Amino acid sequence: MTLFRSKVWSPVDIALLKWSCVFFGMVVGAYLYAFIKAYVWVFVSVAILLGIKPTVSYLGADQAGQ
């Protein structure tokens, strides 16, 4: 059994995975509330920085093929 393999996910599988991640994040956020609140701008900045590359890749995909 390989850990990394290609798989076509069904919409139900994707939705269940996303909801499980949301609930896991809620639990972790409840335990780490004081730490997160103290460094909220750091977390917001990191989230924005991590989102730049996928956004550029998605929006620039039309021009890459030309």
PDB file of N, CA and C in Angstrom:
ATOM      1  N   MET A   1       0.841  -1.175   0.000  1.00  0.00           N
ATOM      2  CA  MET A   1       0.000   0.000   0.000  1.00  0.00           C
ATOM      3  C   MET A   1       0.887   1.238   0.000  1.00  0.00           C
ATOM      4  N   THR A   2       0.683   2.106  -0.978  1.00  0.00           N
ATOM      5  CA  THR A   2       1.464   3.330  -1.050  1.00  0.00           C
ATOM      6  C   THR A   2       0.682   4.479  -0.432  1.00  0.00           C
ATOM      7  N   LEU A   3       1.401   5.382   0.197  1.00  0.00           N
ATOM      8  CA  LEU A   3       0.769   6.526   0.835  1.00  0.00           C
ATOM      9  C   LEU A   3       0.359   7.571  -0.203  1.00  0.00           C
ATOM     10  N   PHE A   4       1.247   7.821  -1.160  1.00  0.00           N
ATOM     11  CA  PHE A   4       0.971   8.820  -2.188  1.00  0.00           C
ATOM     12  C   PHE A   4       0.592   8.116  -3.482  1.00  0.00           C
ATOM     13  N   ARG A   5      -0.641   8.263  -3.871  1.00  0.00           N
ATOM     14  CA  ARG A   5      -1.105   7.681  -5.126  1.00  0.00           C
ATOM     15  C   ARG A   5      -2.200   8.573  -5.681  1.00  0.00           C
ATOM     16  N   SER A   6      -2.427   8.501  -6.965  1.00  0.00           N
ATOM     17  CA  SER A   6      -3.469   9.287  -7.607  1.00  0.00           C
ATOM     18  C   SER A   6      -4.825   8.662  -7.332  1.00  0.00           C
ATOM     19  N   LYS A   7      -5.786   9.493  -7.064  1.00  0.00           N
ATOM     20  CA  LYS A   7      -7.137   9.007  -6.804  1.00  0.00           C
ATOM     21  C   LYS A   7      -8.121  10.082  -7.226  1.00  0.00           C
ATOM     22  N   VAL A   8      -9.189   9.679  -7.839  1.00  0.00           N
ATOM     23  CA  VAL A   8     -10.263  10.608  -8.176  1.00  0.00           C
ATOM     24  C   VAL A   8     -11.253  10.572  -7.016  1.00  0.00           C
ATOM     25  N   TRP A   9     -11.387  11.705  -6.333  1.00  0.00           N
ATOM     26  CA  TRP A   9     -12.263  11.800  -5.163  1.00  0.00           C
ATOM     27  C   TRP A   9     -13.684  12.115  -5.604  1.00  0.00           C
ATOM     28  N   SER A  10     -14.634  11.461  -4.978  1.00  0.00           N
ATOM     29  CA  SER A  10     -16.039  11.772  -5.261  1.00  0.00           C
ATOM     30  C   SER A  10     -16.404  13.053  -4.500  1.00  0.00           C
ATOM     31  N   PRO A  11     -17.416  13.765  -4.953  1.00  0.00           N
ATOM     32  CA  PRO A  11     -17.831  14.984  -4.249  1.00  0.00           C
ATOM     33  C   PRO A  11     -18.210  14.729  -2.786  1.00  0.00           C
ATOM     34  N   VAL A  12     -18.776  13.563  -2.502  1.00  0.00           N
ATOM     35  CA  VAL A  12     -19.139  13.231  -1.116  1.00  0.00           C
ATOM     36  C   VAL A  12     -17.876  13.071  -0.271  1.00  0.00           C
ATOM     37  N   ASP A  13     -16.863  12.396  -0.806  1.00  0.00           N
ATOM     38  CA  ASP A  13     -15.607  12.233  -0.072  1.00  0.00           C
ATOM     39  C   ASP A  13     -14.950  13.583   0.217  1.00  0.00           C
ATOM     40  N   ILE A  14     -14.942  14.474  -0.763  1.00  0.00           N
ATOM     41  CA  ILE A  14     -14.351  15.801  -0.578  1.00  0.00           C
ATOM     42  C   ILE A  14     -15.120  16.583   0.481  1.00  0.00           C
ATOM     43  N   ALA A  15     -16.439  16.535   0.420  1.00  0.00           N
ATOM     44  CA  ALA A  15     -17.258  17.259   1.402  1.00  0.00           C
ATOM     45  C   ALA A  15     -17.033  16.718   2.811  1.00  0.00           C
ATOM     46  N   LEU A  16     -16.962  15.400   2.958  1.00  0.00           N
ATOM     47  CA  LEU A  16     -16.732  14.807   4.277  1.00  0.00           C
ATOM     48  C   LEU A  16     -15.344  15.165   4.809  1.00  0.00           C
ATOM     49  N   LEU A  17     -14.339  15.165   3.949  1.00  0.00           N
ATOM     50  CA  LEU A  17     -13.000  15.548   4.370  1.00  0.00           C
ATOM     51  C   LEU A  17     -12.962  17.006   4.808  1.00  0.00           C
ATOM     52  N   LYS A  18     -13.616  17.876   4.072  1.00  0.00           N
ATOM     53  CA  LYS A  18     -13.633  19.295   4.434  1.00  0.00           C
ATOM     54  C   LYS A  18     -14.340  19.515   5.764  1.00  0.00           C
ATOM     55  N   TRP A  19     -15.460  18.851   5.976  1.00  0.00           N
ATOM     56  CA  TRP A  19     -16.187  19.020   7.241  1.00  0.00           C
ATOM     57  C   TRP A  19     -15.391  18.458   8.405  1.00  0.00           C
ATOM     58  N   SER A  20     -14.693  17.352   8.199  1.00  0.00           N
ATOM     59  CA  SER A  20     -13.890  16.815   9.296  1.00  0.00           C
ATOM     60  C   SER A  20     -12.744  17.767   9.635  1.00  0.00           C
ATOM     61  N   CYS A  21     -12.166  18.417   8.641  1.00  0.00           N
ATOM     62  CA  CYS A  21     -11.116  19.409   8.899  1.00  0.00           C
ATOM     63  C   CYS A  21     -11.675  20.624   9.635  1.00  0.00           C
ATOM     64  N   VAL A  22     -12.877  21.054   9.279  1.00  0.00           N
ATOM     65  CA  VAL A  22     -13.507  22.186   9.961  1.00  0.00           C
ATOM     66  C   VAL A  22     -13.739  21.856  11.431  1.00  0.00           C
ATOM     67  N   PHE A  23     -14.292  20.686  11.711  1.00  0.00           N
ATOM     68  CA  PHE A  23     -14.553  20.309  13.095  1.00  0.00           C
ATOM     69  C   PHE A  23     -13.255  20.120  13.884  1.00  0.00           C
ATOM     70  N   PHE A  24     -12.241  19.552  13.269  1.00  0.00           N
ATOM     71  CA  PHE A  24     -10.949  19.413  13.928  1.00  0.00           C
ATOM     72  C   PHE A  24     -10.362  20.791  14.248  1.00  0.00           C
ATOM     73  N   GLY A  25     -10.482  21.719  13.316  1.00  0.00           N
ATOM     74  CA  GLY A  25     -10.013  23.087  13.551  1.00  0.00           C
ATOM     75  C   GLY A  25     -10.769  23.778  14.664  1.00  0.00           C
ATOM     76  N   MET A  26     -12.046  23.512  14.797  1.00  0.00           N
ATOM     77  CA  MET A  26     -12.828  24.094  15.887  1.00  0.00           C
ATOM     78  C   MET A  26     -12.343  23.583  17.241  1.00  0.00           C
ATOM     79  N   VAL A  27     -12.050  22.305  17.316  1.00  0.00           N
ATOM     80  CA  VAL A  27     -11.571  21.730  18.576  1.00  0.00           C
ATOM     81  C   VAL A  27     -10.198  22.301  18.933  1.00  0.00           C
ATOM     82  N   VAL A  28      -9.294  22.339  17.964  1.00  0.00           N
ATOM     83  CA  VAL A  28      -7.962  22.878  18.218  1.00  0.00           C
ATOM     84  C   VAL A  28      -8.049  24.363  18.576  1.00  0.00           C
ATOM     85  N   GLY A  29      -8.899  25.093  17.888  1.00  0.00           N
ATOM     86  CA  GLY A  29      -9.068  26.510  18.183  1.00  0.00           C
ATOM     87  C   GLY A  29      -9.617  26.767  19.572  1.00  0.00           C
ATOM     88  N   ALA A  30     -10.471  25.883  20.041  1.00  0.00           N
ATOM     89  CA  ALA A  30     -11.012  26.037  21.392  1.00  0.00           C
ATOM     90  C   ALA A  30      -9.928  25.841  22.444  1.00  0.00           C
ATOM     91  N   TYR A  31      -9.015  24.912  22.214  1.00  0.00           N
ATOM     92  CA  TYR A  31      -7.943  24.668  23.171  1.00  0.00           C
ATOM     93  C   TYR A  31      -6.850  25.733  23.101  1.00  0.00           C
ATOM     94  N   LEU A  32      -6.614  26.301  21.943  1.00  0.00           N
ATOM     95  CA  LEU A  32      -5.531  27.261  21.757  1.00  0.00           C
ATOM     96  C   LEU A  32      -6.026  28.702  21.638  1.00  0.00           C
ATOM     97  N   TYR A  33      -7.186  29.012  22.205  1.00  0.00           N
ATOM     98  CA  TYR A  33      -7.814  30.309  22.033  1.00  0.00           C
ATOM     99  C   TYR A  33      -6.909  31.462  22.460  1.00  0.00           C
ATOM    100  N   ALA A  34      -6.318  31.380  23.640  1.00  0.00           N
ATOM    101  CA  ALA A  34      -5.499  32.479  24.157  1.00  0.00           C
ATOM    102  C   ALA A  34      -4.262  32.700  23.281  1.00  0.00           C
ATOM    103  N   PHE A  35      -3.629  31.608  22.841  1.00  0.00           N
ATOM    104  CA  PHE A  35      -2.447  31.729  21.992  1.00  0.00           C
ATOM    105  C   PHE A  35      -2.800  32.349  20.642  1.00  0.00           C
ATOM    106  N   ILE A  36      -3.891  31.895  20.043  1.00  0.00           N
ATOM    107  CA  ILE A  36      -4.314  32.411  18.742  1.00  0.00           C
ATOM    108  C   ILE A  36      -4.678  33.890  18.857  1.00  0.00           C
ATOM    109  N   LYS A  37      -5.390  34.252  19.902  1.00  0.00           N
ATOM    110  CA  LYS A  37      -5.820  35.636  20.079  1.00  0.00           C
ATOM    111  C   LYS A  37      -4.621  36.567  20.262  1.00  0.00           C
ATOM    112  N   ALA A  38      -3.587  36.100  20.938  1.00  0.00           N
ATOM    113  CA  ALA A  38      -2.406  36.927  21.163  1.00  0.00           C
ATOM    114  C   ALA A  38      -1.637  37.187  19.859  1.00  0.00           C
ATOM    115  N   TYR A  39      -1.667  36.242  18.931  1.00  0.00           N
ATOM    116  CA  TYR A  39      -0.910  36.356  17.681  1.00  0.00           C
ATOM    117  C   TYR A  39      -1.817  36.336  16.455  1.00  0.00           C
ATOM    118  N   VAL A  40      -2.980  36.949  16.558  1.00  0.00           N
ATOM    119  CA  VAL A  40      -3.959  36.871  15.464  1.00  0.00           C
ATOM    120  C   VAL A  40      -3.417  37.473  14.173  1.00  0.00           C
ATOM    121  N   TRP A  41      -2.677  38.570  14.239  1.00  0.00           N
ATOM    122  CA  TRP A  41      -2.171  39.193  13.017  1.00  0.00           C
ATOM    123  C   TRP A  41      -1.094  38.343  12.354  1.00  0.00           C
ATOM    124  N   VAL A  42      -0.354  37.602  13.131  1.00  0.00           N
ATOM    125  CA  VAL A  42       0.635  36.685  12.546  1.00  0.00           C
ATOM    126  C   VAL A  42      -0.077  35.586  11.764  1.00  0.00           C
ATOM    127  N   PHE A  43      -1.123  35.020  12.339  1.00  0.00           N
ATOM    128  CA  PHE A  43      -1.873  33.962  11.661  1.00  0.00           C
ATOM    129  C   PHE A  43      -2.576  34.485  10.405  1.00  0.00           C
ATOM    130  N   VAL A  44      -3.118  35.697  10.484  1.00  0.00           N
ATOM    131  CA  VAL A  44      -3.768  36.291   9.309  1.00  0.00           C
ATOM    132  C   VAL A  44      -2.738  36.537   8.214  1.00  0.00           C
ATOM    133  N   SER A  45      -1.575  37.059   8.583  1.00  0.00           N
ATOM    134  CA  SER A  45      -0.519  37.318   7.598  1.00  0.00           C
ATOM    135  C   SER A  45      -0.039  36.029   6.936  1.00  0.00           C
ATOM    136  N   VAL A  46       0.156  34.991   7.720  1.00  0.00           N
ATOM    137  CA  VAL A  46       0.597  33.707   7.169  1.00  0.00           C
ATOM    138  C   VAL A  46      -0.475  33.125   6.245  1.00  0.00           C
ATOM    139  N   ALA A  47      -1.734  33.240   6.629  1.00  0.00           N
ATOM    140  CA  ALA A  47      -2.821  32.730   5.785  1.00  0.00           C
ATOM    141  C   ALA A  47      -2.849  33.461   4.446  1.00  0.00           C
ATOM    142  N   ILE A  48      -2.647  34.760   4.466  1.00  0.00           N
ATOM    143  CA  ILE A  48      -2.637  35.537   3.218  1.00  0.00           C
ATOM    144  C   ILE A  48      -1.436  35.153   2.366  1.00  0.00           C
ATOM    145  N   LEU A  49      -0.270  35.052   2.991  1.00  0.00           N
ATOM    146  CA  LEU A  49       0.932  34.682   2.236  1.00  0.00           C
ATOM    147  C   LEU A  49       0.811  33.290   1.620  1.00  0.00           C
ATOM    148  N   LEU A  50       0.246  32.353   2.354  1.00  0.00           N
ATOM    149  CA  LEU A  50       0.078  31.000   1.818  1.00  0.00           C
ATOM    150  C   LEU A  50      -0.975  30.949   0.713  1.00  0.00           C
ATOM    151  N   GLY A  51      -1.888  31.882   0.692  1.00  0.00           N
ATOM    152  CA  GLY A  51      -2.927  31.896  -0.330  1.00  0.00           C
ATOM    153  C   GLY A  51      -2.526  32.590  -1.614  1.00  0.00           C
ATOM    154  N   ILE A  52      -1.416  33.313  -1.605  1.00  0.00           N
ATOM    155  CA  ILE A  52      -1.009  34.067  -2.798  1.00  0.00           C
ATOM    156  C   ILE A  52      -0.637  33.131  -3.950  1.00  0.00           C
ATOM    157  N   LYS A  53       0.199  32.143  -3.695  1.00  0.00           N
ATOM    158  CA  LYS A  53       0.659  31.245  -4.768  1.00  0.00           C
ATOM    159  C   LYS A  53      -0.482  30.494  -5.450  1.00  0.00           C
ATOM    160  N   PRO A  54      -1.398  29.853  -4.706  1.00  0.00           N
ATOM    161  CA  PRO A  54      -2.504  29.176  -5.402  1.00  0.00           C
ATOM    162  C   PRO A  54      -3.392  30.149  -6.184  1.00  0.00           C
ATOM    163  N   THR A  55      -3.560  31.354  -5.647  1.00  0.00           N
ATOM    164  CA  THR A  55      -4.386  32.348  -6.345  1.00  0.00           C
ATOM    165  C   THR A  55      -3.730  32.770  -7.648  1.00  0.00           C
ATOM    166  N   VAL A  56      -2.440  33.031  -7.612  1.00  0.00           N
ATOM    167  CA  VAL A  56      -1.724  33.411  -8.828  1.00  0.00           C
ATOM    168  C   VAL A  56      -1.729  32.258  -9.828  1.00  0.00           C
ATOM    169  N   SER A  57      -1.537  31.045  -9.338  1.00  0.00           N
ATOM    170  CA  SER A  57      -1.555  29.887 -10.243  1.00  0.00           C
ATOM    171  C   SER A  57      -2.930  29.707 -10.885  1.00  0.00           C
ATOM    172  N   TYR A  58      -3.985  29.915 -10.101  1.00  0.00           N
ATOM    173  CA  TYR A  58      -5.341  29.739 -10.620  1.00  0.00           C
ATOM    174  C   TYR A  58      -5.695  30.836 -11.607  1.00  0.00           C
ATOM    175  N   LEU A  59      -5.418  32.078 -11.255  1.00  0.00           N
ATOM    176  CA  LEU A  59      -5.791  33.188 -12.120  1.00  0.00           C
ATOM    177  C   LEU A  59      -4.877  33.304 -13.323  1.00  0.00           C
ATOM    178  N   GLY A  60      -3.645  32.868 -13.204  1.00  0.00           N
ATOM    179  CA  GLY A  60      -2.699  32.951 -14.302  1.00  0.00           C
ATOM    180  C   GLY A  60      -2.697  31.738 -15.195  1.00  0.00           C
ATOM    181  N   ALA A  61      -3.542  30.758 -14.934  1.00  0.00           N
ATOM    182  CA  ALA A  61      -3.555  29.519 -15.722  1.00  0.00           C
ATOM    183  C   ALA A  61      -3.972  29.768 -17.167  1.00  0.00           C
ATOM    184  N   ASP A  62      -4.827  30.753 -17.413  1.00  0.00           N
ATOM    185  CA  ASP A  62      -5.274  31.036 -18.775  1.00  0.00           C
ATOM    186  C   ASP A  62      -4.138  31.591 -19.622  1.00  0.00           C
ATOM    187  N   GLN A  63      -3.277  32.373 -19.040  1.00  0.00           N
ATOM    188  CA  GLN A  63      -2.196  33.005 -19.782  1.00  0.00           C
ATOM    189  C   GLN A  63      -0.996  32.072 -19.947  1.00  0.00           C
ATOM    190  N   ALA A  64      -0.851  31.087 -19.100  1.00  0.00           N
ATOM    191  CA  ALA A  64       0.308  30.193 -19.177  1.00  0.00           C
ATOM    192  C   ALA A  64       0.293  29.343 -20.443  1.00  0.00           C
ATOM    193  N   GLY A  65      -0.853  28.990 -20.942  1.00  0.00           N
ATOM    194  CA  GLY A  65      -0.956  28.155 -22.119  1.00  0.00           C
ATOM    195  C   GLY A  65      -0.800  28.900 -23.423  1.00  0.00           C
ATOM    196  N   GLN A  66      -0.735  30.213 -23.387  1.00  0.00           N
ATOM    197  CA  GLN A  66      -0.669  30.992 -24.623  1.00  0.00           C
ATOM    198  C   GLN A  66       0.722  31.144 -25.141  1.00  0.00           C
TER     199      GLN A  66
END
